[in-house]
PDB file of N, CA and C in Angstrom:
ATOM      1  N   MET A   1     -63.501 -71.825-105.908  1.00  0.00           N
ATOM      2  CA  MET A   1     -64.064 -70.969-104.903  1.00  0.00           C
ATOM      3  C   MET A   1     -64.597 -71.855-103.773  1.00  0.00           C
ATOM      4  N   LEU A   2     -63.761 -72.175-102.840  1.00  0.00           N
ATOM      5  CA  LEU A   2     -64.124 -73.053-101.733  1.00  0.00           C
ATOM      6  C   LEU A   2     -63.992 -72.281-100.430  1.00  0.00           C
ATOM      7  N   GLU A   3     -65.031 -71.538-100.082  1.00  0.00           N
ATOM      8  CA  GLU A   3     -64.957 -70.675 -98.909  1.00  0.00           C
ATOM      9  C   GLU A   3     -65.366 -71.369 -97.619  1.00  0.00           C
ATOM     10  N   HIS A   4     -66.327 -72.261 -97.704  1.00  0.00           N
ATOM     11  CA  HIS A   4     -66.850 -72.923 -96.509  1.00  0.00           C
ATOM     12  C   HIS A   4     -66.019 -74.174 -96.203  1.00  0.00           C
ATOM     13  N   LEU A   5     -65.872 -74.483 -94.932  1.00  0.00           N
ATOM     14  CA  LEU A   5     -65.095 -75.644 -94.507  1.00  0.00           C
ATOM     15  C   LEU A   5     -65.634 -76.936 -95.116  1.00  0.00           C
ATOM     16  N   ALA A   6     -66.955 -77.065 -95.222  1.00  0.00           N
ATOM     17  CA  ALA A   6     -67.552 -78.280 -95.789  1.00  0.00           C
ATOM     18  C   ALA A   6     -67.199 -78.428 -97.270  1.00  0.00           C
ATOM     19  N   GLU A   7     -67.106 -77.313 -97.990  1.00  0.00           N
ATOM     20  CA  GLU A   7     -66.686 -77.353 -99.395  1.00  0.00           C
ATOM     21  C   GLU A   7     -65.239 -77.825 -99.504  1.00  0.00           C
ATOM     22  N   GLN A   8     -64.396 -77.291 -98.657  1.00  0.00           N
ATOM     23  CA  GLN A   8     -62.981 -77.663 -98.667  1.00  0.00           C
ATOM     24  C   GLN A   8     -62.794 -79.133 -98.327  1.00  0.00           C
ATOM     25  N   ARG A   9     -63.544 -79.609 -97.324  1.00  0.00           N
ATOM     26  CA  ARG A   9     -63.439 -81.013 -96.928  1.00  0.00           C
ATOM     27  C   ARG A   9     -63.876 -81.939 -98.058  1.00  0.00           C
ATOM     28  N   LEU A  10     -64.985 -81.607 -98.703  1.00  0.00           N
ATOM     29  CA  LEU A  10     -65.460 -82.434 -99.817  1.00  0.00           C
ATOM     30  C   LEU A  10     -64.433 -82.457-100.946  1.00  0.00           C
ATOM     31  N   ALA A  11     -63.893 -81.308-101.286  1.00  0.00           N
ATOM     32  CA  ALA A  11     -62.882 -81.249-102.350  1.00  0.00           C
ATOM     33  C   ALA A  11     -61.661 -82.088-101.993  1.00  0.00           C
ATOM     34  N   LEU A  12     -61.264 -82.047-100.736  1.00  0.00           N
ATOM     35  CA  LEU A  12     -60.114 -82.841-100.298  1.00  0.00           C
ATOM     36  C   LEU A  12     -60.406 -84.334-100.381  1.00  0.00           C
ATOM     37  N   VAL A  13     -61.584 -84.735 -99.947  1.00  0.00           N
ATOM     38  CA  VAL A  13     -61.950 -86.158-100.007  1.00  0.00           C
ATOM     39  C   VAL A  13     -62.022 -86.630-101.455  1.00  0.00           C
ATOM     40  N   LEU A  14     -62.481 -85.768-102.361  1.00  0.00           N
ATOM     41  CA  LEU A  14     -62.566 -86.134-103.773  1.00  0.00           C
ATOM     42  C   LEU A  14     -61.212 -86.529-104.355  1.00  0.00           C
ATOM     43  N   THR A  15     -60.153 -85.965-103.837  1.00  0.00           N
ATOM     44  CA  THR A  15     -58.818 -86.281-104.367  1.00  0.00           C
ATOM     45  C   THR A  15     -58.339 -87.669-103.961  1.00  0.00           C
ATOM     46  N   GLY A  16     -59.063 -88.350-103.089  1.00  0.00           N
ATOM     47  CA  GLY A  16     -58.614 -89.637-102.561  1.00  0.00           C
ATOM     48  C   GLY A  16     -58.951 -90.854-103.395  1.00  0.00           C
ATOM     49  N   LEU A  17     -59.692 -90.703-104.481  1.00  0.00           N
ATOM     50  CA  LEU A  17     -60.082 -91.870-105.279  1.00  0.00           C
ATOM     51  C   LEU A  17     -58.887 -92.677-105.792  1.00  0.00           C
ATOM     52  N   PRO A  18     -57.898 -92.072-106.426  1.00  0.00           N
ATOM     53  CA  PRO A  18     -56.785 -92.886-106.933  1.00  0.00           C
ATOM     54  C   PRO A  18     -56.092 -93.699-105.830  1.00  0.00           C
ATOM     55  N   GLY A  19     -55.900 -93.102-104.674  1.00  0.00           N
ATOM     56  CA  GLY A  19     -55.266 -93.818-103.572  1.00  0.00           C
ATOM     57  C   GLY A  19     -56.105 -94.976-103.077  1.00  0.00           C
ATOM     58  N   ALA A  20     -57.416 -94.771-103.014  1.00  0.00           N
ATOM     59  CA  ALA A  20     -58.317 -95.831-102.563  1.00  0.00           C
ATOM     60  C   ALA A  20     -58.339 -96.987-103.556  1.00  0.00           C
ATOM     61  N   VAL A  21     -58.373 -96.666-104.841  1.00  0.00           N
ATOM     62  CA  VAL A  21     -58.365 -97.703-105.874  1.00  0.00           C
ATOM     63  C   VAL A  21     -57.046 -98.466-105.833  1.00  0.00           C
ATOM     64  N   HIS A  22     -55.948 -97.747-105.697  1.00  0.00           N
ATOM     65  CA  HIS A  22     -54.640 -98.386-105.636  1.00  0.00           C
ATOM     66  C   HIS A  22     -54.531 -99.304-104.415  1.00  0.00           C
ATOM     67  N   ALA A  23     -54.977 -98.823-103.270  1.00  0.00           N
ATOM     68  CA  ALA A  23     -54.911 -99.635-102.047  1.00  0.00           C
ATOM     69  C   ALA A  23     -55.771-100.884-102.171  1.00  0.00           C
ATOM     70  N   ALA A  24     -56.953-100.751-102.745  1.00  0.00           N
ATOM     71  CA  ALA A  24     -57.842-101.904-102.910  1.00  0.00           C
ATOM     72  C   ALA A  24     -57.236-102.925-103.870  1.00  0.00           C
ATOM     73  N   ALA A  25     -56.648-102.444-104.944  1.00  0.00           N
ATOM     74  CA  ALA A  25     -56.060-103.350-105.928  1.00  0.00           C
ATOM     75  C   ALA A  25     -54.789-104.001-105.405  1.00  0.00           C
ATOM     76  N   GLU A  26     -53.979-103.226-104.719  1.00  0.00           N
ATOM     77  CA  GLU A  26     -52.702-103.746-104.223  1.00  0.00           C
ATOM     78  C   GLU A  26     -52.890-104.818-103.158  1.00  0.00           C
ATOM     79  N   THR A  27     -53.884-104.636-102.312  1.00  0.00           N
ATOM     80  CA  THR A  27     -54.102-105.569-101.198  1.00  0.00           C
ATOM     81  C   THR A  27     -55.196-106.593-101.479  1.00  0.00           C
ATOM     82  N   LEU A  28     -55.856-106.449-102.627  1.00  0.00           N
ATOM     83  CA  LEU A  28     -57.003-107.300-102.985  1.00  0.00           C
ATOM     84  C   LEU A  28     -58.084-107.238-101.910  1.00  0.00           C
ATOM     85  N   GLU A  29     -58.301-106.029-101.400  1.00  0.00           N
ATOM     86  CA  GLU A  29     -59.305-105.793-100.365  1.00  0.00           C
ATOM     87  C   GLU A  29     -60.254-104.696-100.847  1.00  0.00           C
ATOM     88  N   PRO A  30     -61.329-105.086-101.536  1.00  0.00           N
ATOM     89  CA  PRO A  30     -62.243-104.083-102.086  1.00  0.00           C
ATOM     90  C   PRO A  30     -62.939-103.239-101.024  1.00  0.00           C
ATOM     91  N   HIS A  31     -62.943-103.693 -99.776  1.00  0.00           N
ATOM     92  CA  HIS A  31     -63.584-102.889 -98.729  1.00  0.00           C
ATOM     93  C   HIS A  31     -62.879-101.550 -98.526  1.00  0.00           C
ATOM     94  N   ARG A  32     -61.637-101.463 -98.958  1.00  0.00           N
ATOM     95  CA  ARG A  32     -60.930-100.174 -98.865  1.00  0.00           C
ATOM     96  C   ARG A  32     -61.591 -99.133 -99.768  1.00  0.00           C
ATOM     97  N   LEU A  33     -61.998 -99.558-100.943  1.00  0.00           N
ATOM     98  CA  LEU A  33     -62.708 -98.655-101.849  1.00  0.00           C
ATOM     99  C   LEU A  33     -64.099 -98.342-101.286  1.00  0.00           C
ATOM    100  N   CYS A  34     -64.747 -99.336-100.713  1.00  0.00           N
ATOM    101  CA  CYS A  34     -66.062 -99.106-100.086  1.00  0.00           C
ATOM    102  C   CYS A  34     -65.950 -98.075 -98.967  1.00  0.00           C
ATOM    103  N   GLY A  35     -64.918 -98.175 -98.153  1.00  0.00           N
ATOM    104  CA  GLY A  35     -64.703 -97.223 -97.074  1.00  0.00           C
ATOM    105  C   GLY A  35     -64.502 -95.820 -97.597  1.00  0.00           C
ATOM    106  N   TYR A  36     -63.752 -95.698 -98.682  1.00  0.00           N
ATOM    107  CA  TYR A  36     -63.540 -94.381 -99.281  1.00  0.00           C
ATOM    108  C   TYR A  36     -64.859 -93.810 -99.796  1.00  0.00           C
ATOM    109  N   LEU A  37     -65.651 -94.628-100.490  1.00  0.00           N
ATOM    110  CA  LEU A  37     -66.917 -94.151-101.028  1.00  0.00           C
ATOM    111  C   LEU A  37     -67.874 -93.735 -99.913  1.00  0.00           C
ATOM    112  N   TYR A  38     -67.840 -94.447 -98.801  1.00  0.00           N
ATOM    113  CA  TYR A  38     -68.663 -94.066 -97.652  1.00  0.00           C
ATOM    114  C   TYR A  38     -68.194 -92.715 -97.089  1.00  0.00           C
ATOM    115  N   GLN A  39     -66.885 -92.553 -96.991  1.00  0.00           N
ATOM    116  CA  GLN A  39     -66.314 -91.289 -96.510  1.00  0.00           C
ATOM    117  C   GLN A  39     -66.719 -90.137 -97.444  1.00  0.00           C
ATOM    118  N   LEU A  40     -66.707 -90.391 -98.746  1.00  0.00           N
ATOM    119  CA  LEU A  40     -67.091 -89.377 -99.723  1.00  0.00           C
ATOM    120  C   LEU A  40     -68.578 -89.032 -99.588  1.00  0.00           C
ATOM    121  N   ALA A  41     -69.416 -90.037 -99.437  1.00  0.00           N
ATOM    122  CA  ALA A  41     -70.853 -89.789 -99.279  1.00  0.00           C
ATOM    123  C   ALA A  41     -71.132 -89.005 -97.998  1.00  0.00           C
ATOM    124  N   THR A  42     -70.395 -89.292 -96.946  1.00  0.00           N
ATOM    125  CA  THR A  42     -70.545 -88.562 -95.693  1.00  0.00           C
ATOM    126  C   THR A  42     -70.132 -87.101 -95.862  1.00  0.00           C
ATOM    127  N   ALA A  43     -69.037 -86.863 -96.566  1.00  0.00           N
ATOM    128  CA  ALA A  43     -68.573 -85.492 -96.819  1.00  0.00           C
ATOM    129  C   ALA A  43     -69.577 -84.742 -97.693  1.00  0.00           C
ATOM    130  N   LEU A  44     -70.172 -85.429 -98.666  1.00  0.00           N
ATOM    131  CA  LEU A  44     -71.182 -84.792 -99.512  1.00  0.00           C
ATOM    132  C   LEU A  44     -72.402 -84.409 -98.691  1.00  0.00           C
ATOM    133  N   SER A  45     -72.823 -85.283 -97.818  1.00  0.00           N
ATOM    134  CA  SER A  45     -73.988 -85.006 -96.978  1.00  0.00           C
ATOM    135  C   SER A  45     -73.744 -83.787 -96.087  1.00  0.00           C
ATOM    136  N   ALA A  46     -72.573 -83.710 -95.480  1.00  0.00           N
ATOM    137  CA  ALA A  46     -72.225 -82.565 -94.628  1.00  0.00           C
ATOM    138  C   ALA A  46     -72.169 -81.278 -95.456  1.00  0.00           C
ATOM    139  N   PHE A  47     -71.599 -81.361 -96.643  1.00  0.00           N
ATOM    140  CA  PHE A  47     -71.522 -80.212 -97.542  1.00  0.00           C
ATOM    141  C   PHE A  47     -72.916 -79.738 -97.931  1.00  0.00           C
ATOM    142  N   TYR A  48     -73.762 -80.674 -98.329  1.00  0.00           N
ATOM    143  CA  TYR A  48     -75.093 -80.320 -98.807  1.00  0.00           C
ATOM    144  C   TYR A  48     -75.945 -79.706 -97.698  1.00  0.00           C
ATOM    145  N   GLU A  49     -75.724 -80.163 -96.478  1.00  0.00           N
ATOM    146  CA  GLU A  49     -76.461 -79.617 -95.338  1.00  0.00           C
ATOM    147  C   GLU A  49     -75.975 -78.210 -94.981  1.00  0.00           C
ATOM    148  N   ALA A  50     -74.676 -77.977 -95.089  1.00  0.00           N
ATOM    149  CA  ALA A  50     -74.086 -76.703 -94.654  1.00  0.00           C
ATOM    150  C   ALA A  50     -74.078 -75.622 -95.735  1.00  0.00           C
ATOM    151  N   CYS A  51     -74.080 -76.028 -96.996  1.00  0.00           N
ATOM    152  CA  CYS A  51     -73.904 -75.077 -98.091  1.00  0.00           C
ATOM    153  C   CYS A  51     -75.058 -75.156 -99.085  1.00  0.00           C
ATOM    154  N   PRO A  52     -75.928 -74.162 -99.092  1.00  0.00           N
ATOM    155  CA  PRO A  52     -77.014 -74.169-100.076  1.00  0.00           C
ATOM    156  C   PRO A  52     -76.434 -74.141-101.492  1.00  0.00           C
ATOM    157  N   VAL A  53     -76.886 -75.047-102.314  1.00  0.00           N
ATOM    158  CA  VAL A  53     -76.358 -75.113-103.677  1.00  0.00           C
ATOM    159  C   VAL A  53     -77.219 -74.289-104.622  1.00  0.00           C
ATOM    160  N   LEU A  54     -78.486 -74.606-104.719  1.00  0.00           N
ATOM    161  CA  LEU A  54     -79.352 -73.924-105.672  1.00  0.00           C
ATOM    162  C   LEU A  54     -79.715 -72.518-105.232  1.00  0.00           C
ATOM    163  N   LYS A  55     -79.624 -72.223-103.942  1.00  0.00           N
ATOM    164  CA  LYS A  55     -79.927 -70.880-103.441  1.00  0.00           C
ATOM    165  C   LYS A  55     -78.704 -69.961-103.476  1.00  0.00           C
ATOM    166  N   ALA A  56     -77.540 -70.520-103.743  1.00  0.00           N
ATOM    167  CA  ALA A  56     -76.323 -69.714-103.829  1.00  0.00           C
ATOM    168  C   ALA A  56     -76.357 -68.883-105.111  1.00  0.00           C
ATOM    169  N   HIS A  57     -75.562 -67.841-105.144  1.00  0.00           N
ATOM    170  CA  HIS A  57     -75.542 -66.942-106.301  1.00  0.00           C
ATOM    171  C   HIS A  57     -74.145 -66.857-106.894  1.00  0.00           C
ATOM    172  N   GLY A  58     -74.096 -66.570-108.170  1.00  0.00           N
ATOM    173  CA  GLY A  58     -72.837 -66.298-108.856  1.00  0.00           C
ATOM    174  C   GLY A  58     -71.866 -67.459-108.855  1.00  0.00           C
ATOM    175  N   GLU A  59     -70.615 -67.118-108.585  1.00  0.00           N
ATOM    176  CA  GLU A  59     -69.560 -68.115-108.632  1.00  0.00           C
ATOM    177  C   GLU A  59     -69.698 -69.172-107.547  1.00  0.00           C
ATOM    178  N   ALA A  60     -70.299 -68.822-106.418  1.00  0.00           N
ATOM    179  CA  ALA A  60     -70.504 -69.805-105.359  1.00  0.00           C
ATOM    180  C   ALA A  60     -71.414 -70.922-105.857  1.00  0.00           C
ATOM    181  N   ARG A  61     -72.456 -70.553-106.583  1.00  0.00           N
ATOM    182  CA  ARG A  61     -73.376 -71.562-107.117  1.00  0.00           C
ATOM    183  C   ARG A  61     -72.681 -72.445-108.143  1.00  0.00           C
ATOM    184  N   VAL A  62     -71.937 -71.833-109.040  1.00  0.00           N
ATOM    185  CA  VAL A  62     -71.211 -72.582-110.069  1.00  0.00           C
ATOM    186  C   VAL A  62     -70.226 -73.549-109.416  1.00  0.00           C
ATOM    187  N   SER A  63     -69.510 -73.074-108.422  1.00  0.00           N
ATOM    188  CA  SER A  63     -68.523 -73.895-107.724  1.00  0.00           C
ATOM    189  C   SER A  63     -69.191 -75.066-107.005  1.00  0.00           C
ATOM    190  N   ARG A  64     -70.299 -74.798-106.338  1.00  0.00           N
ATOM    191  CA  ARG A  64     -70.986 -75.850-105.586  1.00  0.00           C
ATOM    192  C   ARG A  64     -71.621 -76.878-106.515  1.00  0.00           C
ATOM    193  N   LEU A  65     -72.159 -76.429-107.629  1.00  0.00           N
ATOM    194  CA  LEU A  65     -72.694 -77.369-108.611  1.00  0.00           C
ATOM    195  C   LEU A  65     -71.582 -78.256-109.180  1.00  0.00           C
ATOM    196  N   ALA A  66     -70.422 -77.659-109.401  1.00  0.00           N
ATOM    197  CA  ALA A  66     -69.279 -78.434-109.895  1.00  0.00           C
ATOM    198  C   ALA A  66     -68.841 -79.480-108.871  1.00  0.00           C
ATOM    199  N   LEU A  67     -68.850 -79.121-107.598  1.00  0.00           N
ATOM    200  CA  LEU A  67     -68.519 -80.098-106.550  1.00  0.00           C
ATOM    201  C   LEU A  67     -69.518 -81.252-106.543  1.00  0.00           C
ATOM    202  N   CYS A  68     -70.795 -80.931-106.684  1.00  0.00           N
ATOM    203  CA  CYS A  68     -71.830 -81.976-106.712  1.00  0.00           C
ATOM    204  C   CYS A  68     -71.644 -82.894-107.915  1.00  0.00           C
ATOM    205  N   ARG A  69     -71.400 -82.314-109.066  1.00  0.00           N
ATOM    206  CA  ARG A  69     -71.226 -83.106-110.296  1.00  0.00           C
ATOM    207  C   ARG A  69     -69.972 -83.972-110.205  1.00  0.00           C
ATOM    208  N   THR A  70     -68.902 -83.434-109.696  1.00  0.00           N
ATOM    209  CA  THR A  70     -67.670 -84.208-109.550  1.00  0.00           C
ATOM    210  C   THR A  70     -67.872 -85.350-108.570  1.00  0.00           C
ATOM    211  N   THR A  71     -68.573 -85.088-107.489  1.00  0.00           N
ATOM    212  CA  THR A  71     -68.858 -86.132-106.511  1.00  0.00           C
ATOM    213  C   THR A  71     -69.689 -87.239-107.143  1.00  0.00           C
ATOM    214  N   GLN A  72     -70.676 -86.864-107.949  1.00  0.00           N
ATOM    215  CA  GLN A  72     -71.488 -87.859-108.636  1.00  0.00           C
ATOM    216  C   GLN A  72     -70.613 -88.751-109.521  1.00  0.00           C
ATOM    217  N   ARG A  73     -69.725 -88.144-110.249  1.00  0.00           N
ATOM    218  CA  ARG A  73     -68.854 -88.912-111.152  1.00  0.00           C
ATOM    219  C   ARG A  73     -67.929 -89.846-110.384  1.00  0.00           C
ATOM    220  N   VAL A  74     -67.359 -89.359-109.292  1.00  0.00           N
ATOM    221  CA  VAL A  74     -66.438 -90.186-108.502  1.00  0.00           C
ATOM    222  C   VAL A  74     -67.186 -91.338-107.847  1.00  0.00           C
ATOM    223  N   LEU A  75     -68.362 -91.061-107.290  1.00  0.00           N
ATOM    224  CA  LEU A  75     -69.159 -92.135-106.687  1.00  0.00           C
ATOM    225  C   LEU A  75     -69.539 -93.179-107.739  1.00  0.00           C
ATOM    226  N   ALA A  76     -69.965 -92.731-108.912  1.00  0.00           N
ATOM    227  CA  ALA A  76     -70.347 -93.657-109.983  1.00  0.00           C
ATOM    228  C   ALA A  76     -69.148 -94.495-110.431  1.00  0.00           C
ATOM    229  N   ALA A  77     -67.989 -93.873-110.561  1.00  0.00           N
ATOM    230  CA  ALA A  77     -66.790 -94.606-110.966  1.00  0.00           C
ATOM    231  C   ALA A  77     -66.413 -95.650-109.923  1.00  0.00           C
ATOM    232  N   GLY A  78     -66.455 -95.268-108.655  1.00  0.00           N
ATOM    233  CA  GLY A  78     -66.121 -96.207-107.592  1.00  0.00           C
ATOM    234  C   GLY A  78     -67.095 -97.365-107.525  1.00  0.00           C
ATOM    235  N   LEU A  79     -68.374 -97.079-107.640  1.00  0.00           N
ATOM    236  CA  LEU A  79     -69.375 -98.146-107.628  1.00  0.00           C
ATOM    237  C   LEU A  79     -69.216 -99.071-108.829  1.00  0.00           C
ATOM    238  N   THR A  80     -68.908 -98.501-109.989  1.00  0.00           N
ATOM    239  CA  THR A  80     -68.684 -99.316-111.186  1.00  0.00           C
ATOM    240  C   THR A  80     -67.511-100.270-110.980  1.00  0.00           C
ATOM    241  N   LEU A  81     -66.443 -99.777-110.373  1.00  0.00           N
ATOM    242  CA  LEU A  81     -65.291-100.638-110.099  1.00  0.00           C
ATOM    243  C   LEU A  81     -65.657-101.795-109.169  1.00  0.00           C
ATOM    244  N   LEU A  82     -66.631-101.563-108.297  1.00  0.00           N
ATOM    245  CA  LEU A  82     -67.092-102.605-107.383  1.00  0.00           C
ATOM    246  C   LEU A  82     -68.157-103.508-108.016  1.00  0.00           C
ATOM    247  N   GLY A  83     -68.562-103.183-109.242  1.00  0.00           N
ATOM    248  CA  GLY A  83     -69.582-103.977-109.926  1.00  0.00           C
ATOM    249  C   GLY A  83     -71.001-103.614-109.515  1.00  0.00           C
ATOM    250  N   ILE A  84     -71.185-102.406-109.009  1.00  0.00           N
ATOM    251  CA  ILE A  84     -72.493-101.940-108.566  1.00  0.00           C
ATOM    252  C   ILE A  84     -72.956-100.841-109.504  1.00  0.00           C
ATOM    253  N   ALA A  85     -74.178-100.980-110.009  1.00  0.00           N
ATOM    254  CA  ALA A  85     -74.731 -99.961-110.903  1.00  0.00           C
ATOM    255  C   ALA A  85     -75.184 -98.757-110.079  1.00  0.00           C
ATOM    256  N   ALA A  86     -74.736 -97.579-110.481  1.00  0.00           N
ATOM    257  CA  ALA A  86     -75.133 -96.349-109.793  1.00  0.00           C
ATOM    258  C   ALA A  86     -76.473 -95.870-110.327  1.00  0.00           C
ATOM    259  N   LEU A  87     -77.272 -95.259-109.454  1.00  0.00           N
ATOM    260  CA  LEU A  87     -78.550 -94.689-109.872  1.00  0.00           C
ATOM    261  C   LEU A  87     -78.305 -93.464-110.757  1.00  0.00           C
ATOM    262  N   ALA A  88     -79.164 -93.294-111.742  1.00  0.00           N
ATOM    263  CA  ALA A  88     -79.067 -92.111-112.591  1.00  0.00           C
ATOM    264  C   ALA A  88     -79.624 -90.892-111.888  1.00  0.00           C
ATOM    265  N   ARG A  89     -80.679 -91.094-111.064  1.00  0.00           N
ATOM    266  CA  ARG A  89     -81.319 -89.997-110.341  1.00  0.00           C
ATOM    267  C   ARG A  89     -81.822 -90.505-109.007  1.00  0.00           C
ATOM    268  N   MET A  90     -81.972 -89.568-108.081  1.00  0.00           N
ATOM    269  CA  MET A  90     -82.581 -89.895-106.792  1.00  0.00           C
ATOM    270  C   MET A  90     -83.698 -88.929-106.536  1.00  0.00           C
TER     271      MET A  90
END
């Protein structure tokens, strides 16, 4: 359930992890993965500003929480690949 443009953009950016990892590994340029993670964090920030998560109701709330959780996992995986420990909470 991705009705808002910011939700759609975040979901689209989330699909880019495999390509970013492949590009970084193929070229031995880890900054490619860093750039992707920055792009993902920027998309998350725009999403969080435009789409209330905890104030949403029903399926919209479930969908938005799932986007947040997936983003957390992707960011943590990318940071781990770079040798950076991700925070458990902020």
